[in-house]
PDB file of N, CA and C in Angstrom:
ATOM      1  N   MET A   1     129.351  78.310  91.973  1.00  0.00           N
ATOM      2  CA  MET A   1     128.063  78.918  92.375  1.00  0.00           C
ATOM      3  C   MET A   1     127.357  79.339  91.126  1.00  0.00           C
ATOM      4  N   SER A   2     126.026  79.034  91.043  1.00  0.00           N
ATOM      5  CA  SER A   2     125.266  79.402  89.805  1.00  0.00           C
ATOM      6  C   SER A   2     124.937  80.896  89.860  1.00  0.00           C
ATOM      7  N   SER A   3     124.555  81.348  88.667  1.00  0.00           N
ATOM      8  CA  SER A   3     124.130  82.799  88.560  1.00  0.00           C
ATOM      9  C   SER A   3     122.843  83.037  89.194  1.00  0.00           C
ATOM     10  N   GLU A   4     122.047  82.039  89.494  1.00  0.00           N
ATOM     11  CA  GLU A   4     120.763  82.215  90.132  1.00  0.00           C
ATOM     12  C   GLU A   4     120.992  82.247  91.654  1.00  0.00           C
ATOM     13  N   SER A   5     120.345  83.246  92.260  1.00  0.00           N
ATOM     14  CA  SER A   5     120.482  83.343  93.713  1.00  0.00           C
ATOM     15  C   SER A   5     119.284  82.666  94.384  1.00  0.00           C
ATOM     16  N   ALA A   6     119.494  82.134  95.536  1.00  0.00           N
ATOM     17  CA  ALA A   6     118.466  81.474  96.293  1.00  0.00           C
ATOM     18  C   ALA A   6     117.518  82.512  96.793  1.00  0.00           C
ATOM     19  N   VAL A   7     116.254  82.228  96.723  1.00  0.00           N
ATOM     20  CA  VAL A   7     115.194  83.132  97.237  1.00  0.00           C
ATOM     21  C   VAL A   7     114.898  82.709  98.644  1.00  0.00           C
ATOM     22  N   SER A   8     114.949  83.674  99.527  1.00  0.00           N
ATOM     23  CA  SER A   8     114.629  83.319 100.945  1.00  0.00           C
ATOM     24  C   SER A   8     113.131  83.667 101.208  1.00  0.00           C
ATOM     25  N   CYS A   9     112.698  83.119 102.337  1.00  0.00           N
ATOM     26  CA  CYS A   9     111.339  83.466 102.792  1.00  0.00           C
ATOM     27  C   CYS A   9     111.400  83.908 104.233  1.00  0.00           C
ATOM     28  N   THR A  10     110.896  85.125 104.481  1.00  0.00           N
ATOM     29  CA  THR A  10     110.802  85.652 105.868  1.00  0.00           C
ATOM     30  C   THR A  10     109.456  85.368 106.389  1.00  0.00           C
ATOM     31  N   ARG A  11     109.364  84.819 107.550  1.00  0.00           N
ATOM     32  CA  ARG A  11     108.118  84.494 108.204  1.00  0.00           C
ATOM     33  C   ARG A  11     107.858  85.425 109.380  1.00  0.00           C
ATOM     34  N   VAL A  12     106.653  85.975 109.414  1.00  0.00           N
ATOM     35  CA  VAL A  12     106.189  86.805 110.558  1.00  0.00           C
ATOM     36  C   VAL A  12     105.109  85.996 111.301  1.00  0.00           C
ATOM     37  N   PHE A  13     105.335  85.854 112.593  1.00  0.00           N
ATOM     38  CA  PHE A  13     104.323  85.099 113.434  1.00  0.00           C
ATOM     39  C   PHE A  13     103.554  86.186 114.258  1.00  0.00           C
ATOM     40  N   TRP A  14     102.248  86.321 113.939  1.00  0.00           N
ATOM     41  CA  TRP A  14     101.515  87.463 114.496  1.00  0.00           C
ATOM     42  C   TRP A  14     100.347  86.935 115.282  1.00  0.00           C
ATOM     43  N   ASP A  15     100.342  87.181 116.565  1.00  0.00           N
ATOM     44  CA  ASP A  15      99.225  86.815 117.551  1.00  0.00           C
ATOM     45  C   ASP A  15      98.239  87.960 117.421  1.00  0.00           C
ATOM     46  N   VAL A  16      97.242  87.823 116.590  1.00  0.00           N
ATOM     47  CA  VAL A  16      96.238  88.840 116.279  1.00  0.00           C
ATOM     48  C   VAL A  16      95.290  89.118 117.471  1.00  0.00           C
ATOM     49  N   VAL A  17      95.135  88.174 118.297  1.00  0.00           N
ATOM     50  CA  VAL A  17      94.246  88.362 119.516  1.00  0.00           C
ATOM     51  C   VAL A  17      94.889  89.375 120.436  1.00  0.00           C
ATOM     52  N   ASP A  18      96.196  89.154 120.712  1.00  0.00           N
ATOM     53  CA  ASP A  18      96.870  90.007 121.638  1.00  0.00           C
ATOM     54  C   ASP A  18      97.424  91.281 120.976  1.00  0.00           C
ATOM     55  N   PHE A  19      97.724  91.269 119.717  1.00  0.00           N
ATOM     56  CA  PHE A  19      98.281  92.380 118.954  1.00  0.00           C
ATOM     57  C   PHE A  19      97.443  92.492 117.648  1.00  0.00           C
ATOM     58  N   THR A  20      96.369  93.228 117.652  1.00  0.00           N
ATOM     59  CA  THR A  20      95.426  93.277 116.572  1.00  0.00           C
ATOM     60  C   THR A  20      96.023  93.984 115.374  1.00  0.00           C
ATOM     61  N   PHE A  21      95.462  93.565 114.220  1.00  0.00           N
ATOM     62  CA  PHE A  21      95.782  94.317 112.979  1.00  0.00           C
ATOM     63  C   PHE A  21      95.191  95.744 113.022  1.00  0.00           C
ATOM     64  N   PRO A  22      95.806  96.730 112.365  1.00  0.00           N
ATOM     65  CA  PRO A  22      95.204  98.095 112.317  1.00  0.00           C
ATOM     66  C   PRO A  22      93.832  97.937 111.660  1.00  0.00           C
ATOM     67  N   LYS A  23      92.828  98.491 112.350  1.00  0.00           N
ATOM     68  CA  LYS A  23      91.446  98.380 111.842  1.00  0.00           C
ATOM     69  C   LYS A  23      91.159  99.210 110.585  1.00  0.00           C
ATOM     70  N   ASP A  24      91.965 100.246 110.357  1.00  0.00           N
ATOM     71  CA  ASP A  24      91.693 101.158 109.271  1.00  0.00           C
ATOM     72  C   ASP A  24      92.466 100.811 107.986  1.00  0.00           C
ATOM     73  N   LEU A  25      93.115  99.654 107.958  1.00  0.00           N
ATOM     74  CA  LEU A  25      93.934  99.222 106.811  1.00  0.00           C
ATOM     75  C   LEU A  25      93.349  97.908 106.215  1.00  0.00           C
ATOM     76  N   ALA A  26      93.337  97.881 104.880  1.00  0.00           N
ATOM     77  CA  ALA A  26      92.902  96.660 104.175  1.00  0.00           C
ATOM     78  C   ALA A  26      94.017  95.563 104.356  1.00  0.00           C
ATOM     79  N   PRO A  27      93.634  94.323 104.295  1.00  0.00           N
ATOM     80  CA  PRO A  27      94.599  93.214 104.391  1.00  0.00           C
ATOM     81  C   PRO A  27      95.805  93.358 103.483  1.00  0.00           C
ATOM     82  N   GLU A  28      95.544  93.749 102.223  1.00  0.00           N
ATOM     83  CA  GLU A  28      96.652  93.932 101.263  1.00  0.00           C
ATOM     84  C   GLU A  28      97.630  95.021 101.699  1.00  0.00           C
ATOM     85  N   THR A  29      97.085  96.076 102.288  1.00  0.00           N
ATOM     86  CA  THR A  29      97.958  97.165 102.789  1.00  0.00           C
ATOM     87  C   THR A  29      98.785  96.707 103.973  1.00  0.00           C
ATOM     88  N   ILE A  30      98.187  95.952 104.850  1.00  0.00           N
ATOM     89  CA  ILE A  30      99.021  95.451 105.998  1.00  0.00           C
ATOM     90  C   ILE A  30     100.148  94.626 105.499  1.00  0.00           C
ATOM     91  N   TYR A  31      99.825  93.675 104.579  1.00  0.00           N
ATOM     92  CA  TYR A  31     100.832  92.780 103.984  1.00  0.00           C
ATOM     93  C   TYR A  31     101.956  93.542 103.282  1.00  0.00           C
ATOM     94  N   ASN A  32     101.512  94.505 102.370  1.00  0.00           N
ATOM     95  CA  ASN A  32     102.479  95.266 101.694  1.00  0.00           C
ATOM     96  C   ASN A  32     103.379  96.219 102.559  1.00  0.00           C
ATOM     97  N   ASN A  33     102.743  96.749 103.649  1.00  0.00           N
ATOM     98  CA  ASN A  33     103.511  97.559 104.572  1.00  0.00           C
ATOM     99  C   ASN A  33     104.570  96.685 105.262  1.00  0.00           C
ATOM    100  N   MET A  34     104.141  95.530 105.763  1.00  0.00           N
ATOM    101  CA  MET A  34     105.120  94.652 106.374  1.00  0.00           C
ATOM    102  C   MET A  34     106.242  94.226 105.444  1.00  0.00           C
ATOM    103  N   LYS A  35     105.931  93.925 104.170  1.00  0.00           N
ATOM    104  CA  LYS A  35     106.954  93.583 103.221  1.00  0.00           C
ATOM    105  C   LYS A  35     107.896  94.714 102.988  1.00  0.00           C
ATOM    106  N   SER A  36     107.362  95.949 102.919  1.00  0.00           N
ATOM    107  CA  SER A  36     108.187  97.134 102.623  1.00  0.00           C
ATOM    108  C   SER A  36     109.168  97.391 103.804  1.00  0.00           C
ATOM    109  N   ILE A  37     108.560  97.233 105.027  1.00  0.00           N
ATOM    110  CA  ILE A  37     109.430  97.517 106.243  1.00  0.00           C
ATOM    111  C   ILE A  37     110.552  96.493 106.273  1.00  0.00           C
ATOM    112  N   LEU A  38     110.240  95.245 106.012  1.00  0.00           N
ATOM    113  CA  LEU A  38     111.311  94.186 106.058  1.00  0.00           C
ATOM    114  C   LEU A  38     112.334  94.428 104.950  1.00  0.00           C
ATOM    115  N   GLU A  39     111.885  94.871 103.764  1.00  0.00           N
ATOM    116  CA  GLU A  39     112.851  95.162 102.667  1.00  0.00           C
ATOM    117  C   GLU A  39     113.795  96.234 103.036  1.00  0.00           C
ATOM    118  N   LYS A  40     113.306  97.306 103.746  1.00  0.00           N
ATOM    119  CA  LYS A  40     114.106  98.386 104.154  1.00  0.00           C
ATOM    120  C   LYS A  40     115.125  97.916 105.171  1.00  0.00           C
ATOM    121  N   MET A  41     114.806  96.825 105.893  1.00  0.00           N
ATOM    122  CA  MET A  41     115.744  96.245 106.884  1.00  0.00           C
ATOM    123  C   MET A  41     116.720  95.230 106.235  1.00  0.00           C
ATOM    124  N   GLY A  42     116.587  95.044 104.930  1.00  0.00           N
ATOM    125  CA  GLY A  42     117.453  94.137 104.231  1.00  0.00           C
ATOM    126  C   GLY A  42     116.978  92.737 103.976  1.00  0.00           C
ATOM    127  N   PHE A  43     115.701  92.467 104.381  1.00  0.00           N
ATOM    128  CA  PHE A  43     115.116  91.154 104.166  1.00  0.00           C
ATOM    129  C   PHE A  43     114.440  91.139 102.726  1.00  0.00           C
ATOM    130  N   MET A  44     114.989  90.372 101.881  1.00  0.00           N
ATOM    131  CA  MET A  44     114.438  90.248 100.544  1.00  0.00           C
ATOM    132  C   MET A  44     113.819  88.905 100.318  1.00  0.00           C
ATOM    133  N   GLY A  45     113.064  88.744  99.287  1.00  0.00           N
ATOM    134  CA  GLY A  45     112.421  87.457  98.975  1.00  0.00           C
ATOM    135  C   GLY A  45     110.978  87.425  99.451  1.00  0.00           C
ATOM    136  N   ASP A  46     110.504  86.249  99.540  1.00  0.00           N
ATOM    137  CA  ASP A  46     109.051  86.015  99.865  1.00  0.00           C
ATOM    138  C   ASP A  46     108.791  86.375 101.295  1.00  0.00           C
ATOM    139  N   LEU A  47     107.513  86.691 101.554  1.00  0.00           N
ATOM    140  CA  LEU A  47     107.029  86.969 102.896  1.00  0.00           C
ATOM    141  C   LEU A  47     105.856  86.053 103.256  1.00  0.00           C
ATOM    142  N   SER A  48     105.939  85.419 104.417  1.00  0.00           N
ATOM    143  CA  SER A  48     104.835  84.616 104.868  1.00  0.00           C
ATOM    144  C   SER A  48     104.396  85.174 106.238  1.00  0.00           C
ATOM    145  N   ILE A  49     103.139  85.585 106.391  1.00  0.00           N
ATOM    146  CA  ILE A  49     102.613  86.099 107.566  1.00  0.00           C
ATOM    147  C   ILE A  49     101.676  85.021 108.188  1.00  0.00           C
ATOM    148  N   MET A  50     102.069  84.462 109.311  1.00  0.00           N
ATOM    149  CA  MET A  50     101.177  83.518 109.980  1.00  0.00           C
ATOM    150  C   MET A  50     100.400  84.247 111.034  1.00  0.00           C
ATOM    151  N   ALA A  51      99.081  84.303 110.809  1.00  0.00           N
ATOM    152  CA  ALA A  51      98.201  85.101 111.702  1.00  0.00           C
ATOM    153  C   ALA A  51      97.394  84.145 112.601  1.00  0.00           C
ATOM    154  N   TYR A  52      97.627  84.275 113.899  1.00  0.00           N
ATOM    155  CA  TYR A  52      96.954  83.424 114.828  1.00  0.00           C
ATOM    156  C   TYR A  52      95.739  84.182 115.346  1.00  0.00           C
ATOM    157  N   VAL A  53      94.539  83.720 114.935  1.00  0.00           N
ATOM    158  CA  VAL A  53      93.323  84.524 115.168  1.00  0.00           C
ATOM    159  C   VAL A  53      92.301  83.741 115.911  1.00  0.00           C
ATOM    160  N   ASN A  54      91.295  84.477 116.495  1.00  0.00           N
ATOM    161  CA  ASN A  54      90.105  83.848 117.025  1.00  0.00           C
ATOM    162  C   ASN A  54      89.140  83.651 115.934  1.00  0.00           C
ATOM    163  N   LEU A  55      88.856  82.438 115.443  1.00  0.00           N
ATOM    164  CA  LEU A  55      88.087  82.176 114.259  1.00  0.00           C
ATOM    165  C   LEU A  55      86.648  82.693 114.490  1.00  0.00           C
ATOM    166  N   GLU A  56      86.149  82.793 115.729  1.00  0.00           N
ATOM    167  CA  GLU A  56      84.774  83.147 115.988  1.00  0.00           C
ATOM    168  C   GLU A  56      84.568  84.678 115.801  1.00  0.00           C
ATOM    169  N   THR A  57      85.639  85.456 116.001  1.00  0.00           N
ATOM    170  CA  THR A  57      85.475  86.962 115.966  1.00  0.00           C
ATOM    171  C   THR A  57      86.261  87.619 114.914  1.00  0.00           C
ATOM    172  N   PHE A  58      87.161  86.916 114.267  1.00  0.00           N
ATOM    173  CA  PHE A  58      88.024  87.563 113.246  1.00  0.00           C
ATOM    174  C   PHE A  58      87.229  87.809 111.987  1.00  0.00           C
ATOM    175  N   PRO A  59      87.308  89.074 111.468  1.00  0.00           N
ATOM    176  CA  PRO A  59      86.461  89.428 110.354  1.00  0.00           C
ATOM    177  C   PRO A  59      87.065  89.051 109.019  1.00  0.00           C
ATOM    178  N   ASP A  60      86.283  88.568 108.155  1.00  0.00           N
ATOM    179  CA  ASP A  60      86.583  88.351 106.711  1.00  0.00           C
ATOM    180  C   ASP A  60      87.919  87.525 106.477  1.00  0.00           C
ATOM    181  N   ILE A  61      87.891  86.306 106.959  1.00  0.00           N
ATOM    182  CA  ILE A  61      89.124  85.539 106.819  1.00  0.00           C
ATOM    183  C   ILE A  61      89.525  85.349 105.355  1.00  0.00           C
ATOM    184  N   PRO A  62      88.582  85.093 104.425  1.00  0.00           N
ATOM    185  CA  PRO A  62      89.050  84.978 103.003  1.00  0.00           C
ATOM    186  C   PRO A  62      89.793  86.238 102.492  1.00  0.00           C
ATOM    187  N   ALA A  63      89.426  87.400 102.915  1.00  0.00           N
ATOM    188  CA  ALA A  63      90.182  88.601 102.424  1.00  0.00           C
ATOM    189  C   ALA A  63      91.604  88.589 102.907  1.00  0.00           C
ATOM    190  N   TYR A  64      91.858  88.165 104.128  1.00  0.00           N
ATOM    191  CA  TYR A  64      93.227  88.085 104.635  1.00  0.00           C
ATOM    192  C   TYR A  64      93.982  86.949 103.970  1.00  0.00           C
ATOM    193  N   GLU A  65      93.318  85.819 103.741  1.00  0.00           N
ATOM    194  CA  GLU A  65      93.993  84.725 103.052  1.00  0.00           C
ATOM    195  C   GLU A  65      94.324  85.102 101.591  1.00  0.00           C
ATOM    196  N   ASN A  66      93.445  85.795 100.891  1.00  0.00           N
ATOM    197  CA  ASN A  66      93.713  86.319  99.551  1.00  0.00           C
ATOM    198  C   ASN A  66      94.884  87.278  99.498  1.00  0.00           C
ATOM    199  N   ALA A  67      95.129  88.000 100.628  1.00  0.00           N
ATOM    200  CA  ALA A  67      96.175  88.970 100.680  1.00  0.00           C
ATOM    201  C   ALA A  67      97.526  88.352 101.029  1.00  0.00           C
ATOM    202  N   GLY A  68      97.519  87.022 101.321  1.00  0.00           N
ATOM    203  CA  GLY A  68      98.796  86.364 101.562  1.00  0.00           C
ATOM    204  C   GLY A  68      98.957  85.941 103.014  1.00  0.00           C
ATOM    205  N   PHE A  69      97.975  86.112 103.886  1.00  0.00           N
ATOM    206  CA  PHE A  69      98.119  85.684 105.271  1.00  0.00           C
ATOM    207  C   PHE A  69      97.768  84.191 105.379  1.00  0.00           C
ATOM    208  N   SER A  70      98.420  83.506 106.293  1.00  0.00           N
ATOM    209  CA  SER A  70      97.976  82.080 106.691  1.00  0.00           C
ATOM    210  C   SER A  70      97.237  82.288 107.998  1.00  0.00           C
ATOM    211  N   ILE A  71      95.985  81.854 107.997  1.00  0.00           N
ATOM    212  CA  ILE A  71      95.144  81.973 109.182  1.00  0.00           C
ATOM    213  C   ILE A  71      95.189  80.688 109.986  1.00  0.00           C
ATOM    214  N   ILE A  72      95.536  80.873 111.327  1.00  0.00           N
ATOM    215  CA  ILE A  72      95.591  79.721 112.170  1.00  0.00           C
ATOM    216  C   ILE A  72      94.771  79.959 113.409  1.00  0.00           C
ATOM    217  N   PRO A  73      94.032  78.993 113.928  1.00  0.00           N
ATOM    218  CA  PRO A  73      93.220  79.166 115.121  1.00  0.00           C
ATOM    219  C   PRO A  73      94.071  79.579 116.341  1.00  0.00           C
ATOM    220  N   HIS A  74      93.595  80.688 116.945  1.00  0.00           N
ATOM    221  CA  HIS A  74      94.324  81.210 118.143  1.00  0.00           C
ATOM    222  C   HIS A  74      94.298  80.238 119.310  1.00  0.00           C
ATOM    223  N   GLN A  75      93.244  79.476 119.446  1.00  0.00           N
ATOM    224  CA  GLN A  75      93.091  78.589 120.580  1.00  0.00           C
ATOM    225  C   GLN A  75      94.270  77.584 120.683  1.00  0.00           C
ATOM    226  N   GLU A  76      94.856  77.232 119.536  1.00  0.00           N
ATOM    227  CA  GLU A  76      95.923  76.323 119.487  1.00  0.00           C
ATOM    228  C   GLU A  76      97.290  77.010 119.119  1.00  0.00           C
ATOM    229  N   ARG A  77      97.304  78.313 119.307  1.00  0.00           N
ATOM    230  CA  ARG A  77      98.512  79.078 118.872  1.00  0.00           C
ATOM    231  C   ARG A  77      99.859  78.591 119.448  1.00  0.00           C
ATOM    232  N   HIS A  78      99.880  78.283 120.710  1.00  0.00           N
ATOM    233  CA  HIS A  78     101.202  77.881 121.308  1.00  0.00           C
ATOM    234  C   HIS A  78     101.769  76.630 120.636  1.00  0.00           C
ATOM    235  N   ARG A  79     100.863  75.654 120.427  1.00  0.00           N
ATOM    236  CA  ARG A  79     101.307  74.409 119.769  1.00  0.00           C
ATOM    237  C   ARG A  79     101.724  74.672 118.331  1.00  0.00           C
ATOM    238  N   PHE A  80     100.926  75.505 117.664  1.00  0.00           N
ATOM    239  CA  PHE A  80     101.271  75.773 116.219  1.00  0.00           C
ATOM    240  C   PHE A  80     102.507  76.701 116.118  1.00  0.00           C
ATOM    241  N   MET A  81     102.561  77.681 116.993  1.00  0.00           N
ATOM    242  CA  MET A  81     103.782  78.624 116.928  1.00  0.00           C
ATOM    243  C   MET A  81     105.053  77.819 117.112  1.00  0.00           C
ATOM    244  N   LEU A  82     105.045  76.905 118.097  1.00  0.00           N
ATOM    245  CA  LEU A  82     106.239  76.080 118.338  1.00  0.00           C
ATOM    246  C   LEU A  82     106.552  75.215 117.095  1.00  0.00           C
ATOM    247  N   ARG A  83     105.495  74.653 116.537  1.00  0.00           N
ATOM    248  CA  ARG A  83     105.716  73.821 115.346  1.00  0.00           C
ATOM    249  C   ARG A  83     106.226  74.643 114.189  1.00  0.00           C
ATOM    250  N   ASP A  84     105.698  75.863 114.026  1.00  0.00           N
ATOM    251  CA  ASP A  84     106.014  76.668 112.883  1.00  0.00           C
ATOM    252  C   ASP A  84     107.421  77.305 113.036  1.00  0.00           C
ATOM    253  N   ILE A  85     107.745  77.741 114.267  1.00  0.00           N
ATOM    254  CA  ILE A  85     108.991  78.458 114.488  1.00  0.00           C
ATOM    255  C   ILE A  85     110.183  77.508 114.582  1.00  0.00           C
ATOM    256  N   ALA A  86     110.064  76.282 115.175  1.00  0.00           N
ATOM    257  CA  ALA A  86     111.156  75.431 115.455  1.00  0.00           C
ATOM    258  C   ALA A  86     112.009  75.053 114.209  1.00  0.00           C
ATOM    259  N   PRO A  87     111.425  74.774 113.050  1.00  0.00           N
ATOM    260  CA  PRO A  87     112.243  74.474 111.886  1.00  0.00           C
ATOM    261  C   PRO A  87     113.168  75.597 111.440  1.00  0.00           C
ATOM    262  N   SER A  88     112.941  76.784 111.858  1.00  0.00           N
ATOM    263  CA  SER A  88     113.786  77.932 111.495  1.00  0.00           C
ATOM    264  C   SER A  88     115.161  77.808 112.166  1.00  0.00           C
ATOM    265  N   PHE A  89     115.227  77.043 113.200  1.00  0.00           N
ATOM    266  CA  PHE A  89     116.511  76.989 113.941  1.00  0.00           C
ATOM    267  C   PHE A  89     117.415  75.841 113.545  1.00  0.00           C
ATOM    268  N   HIS A  90     117.074  75.117 112.490  1.00  0.00           N
ATOM    269  CA  HIS A  90     117.908  73.995 112.029  1.00  0.00           C
ATOM    270  C   HIS A  90     118.968  74.533 111.085  1.00  0.00           C
TER     271      HIS A  90
END
């Protein structure tokens, strides 16, 4: 075994239409809070937050993308969620 450890990636799948982001927090704060919570639970490594949003009403998409969120159209969320989650079970 090498002295380098493998870096894992934890993915969060967030349906923002049904479970909105806190309105009083900046995108960076939401991302950092989620990372901190997961680290306290023992999840280390990279964090990927897949946010399924209504593109017509979701505010400031670039700010969320710059904070590390992947923005996905809510209208197709079931198809994308299945596609995104399924590889985790291999």
